[in-house]
Protein backbone atom coordinates (compact mmCIF):
# COMPACT_ATOMS: atom_id res chain seq x y z
CA MET A 1 19.79 29.90 3.20
CA ASP A 2 17.52 28.71 0.15
CA GLU A 3 20.29 26.50 -0.70
CA ARG A 4 19.19 23.34 -2.79
CA ARG A 5 20.94 20.39 -3.88
CA ALA A 6 20.47 18.01 -6.68
CA GLU A 7 19.21 15.55 -4.85
CA ASP A 8 16.29 17.75 -3.82
CA GLN A 9 15.73 17.90 -7.24
CA PRO A 10 12.65 14.99 -8.39
CA ILE A 11 13.60 12.02 -10.84
CA GLU A 12 12.57 11.70 -14.07
CA GLN A 13 11.03 8.55 -14.66
CA ASP A 14 12.68 7.87 -18.20
CA ALA A 15 16.25 8.87 -16.58
CA PRO A 16 18.50 6.10 -16.79
CA VAL A 17 20.15 5.51 -13.55
CA GLY A 18 23.81 5.34 -13.32
CA GLY A 19 24.84 6.55 -17.05
CA ASP A 20 23.02 6.75 -20.38
CA GLU A 21 21.75 4.30 -23.48
CA THR A 22 25.70 3.76 -24.11
CA THR A 23 27.36 3.40 -20.72
CA GLU A 24 27.66 -0.28 -21.14
CA GLU A 25 28.83 -0.24 -24.57
CA GLU A 26 31.82 1.90 -23.26
CA LEU A 27 32.33 -0.37 -20.71
CA GLU A 28 35.95 -1.84 -21.15
CA ALA A 29 37.73 -4.45 -18.36
CA ASP A 30 41.37 -3.48 -18.69
CA ASN A 31 41.95 -6.86 -16.32
CA PRO A 32 40.41 -10.57 -15.21
CA ALA A 33 39.09 -8.57 -12.24
CA GLU A 34 37.36 -5.70 -13.74
CA GLU A 35 35.86 -8.11 -16.25
CA ASP A 36 34.55 -9.86 -13.57
CA THR A 37 32.88 -7.26 -11.88
CA LEU A 38 31.66 -5.85 -15.17
CA LYS A 39 30.34 -9.36 -15.70
CA THR A 40 28.42 -9.44 -12.05
CA LEU A 41 26.87 -5.73 -13.08
CA ASP A 42 25.67 -7.00 -16.21
CA PRO A 43 21.53 -6.80 -15.74
CA ASP A 44 21.50 -9.57 -18.93
CA ALA A 45 23.27 -11.92 -17.75
CA PRO A 46 21.72 -14.86 -14.97
CA PRO A 47 22.62 -14.58 -11.57
CA ALA A 48 25.29 -17.22 -10.81
């Protein structure tokens, strides 16, 4: 069994985590609850 899984691979230092450079621009909320969630996930927003 010489099977390797994705988590066994080294991560590139400049690889964006959780998406690419355009992921943030592509996120749109469909309702108020999703809007609140996106606000909490915004790395540029100050903490509450």
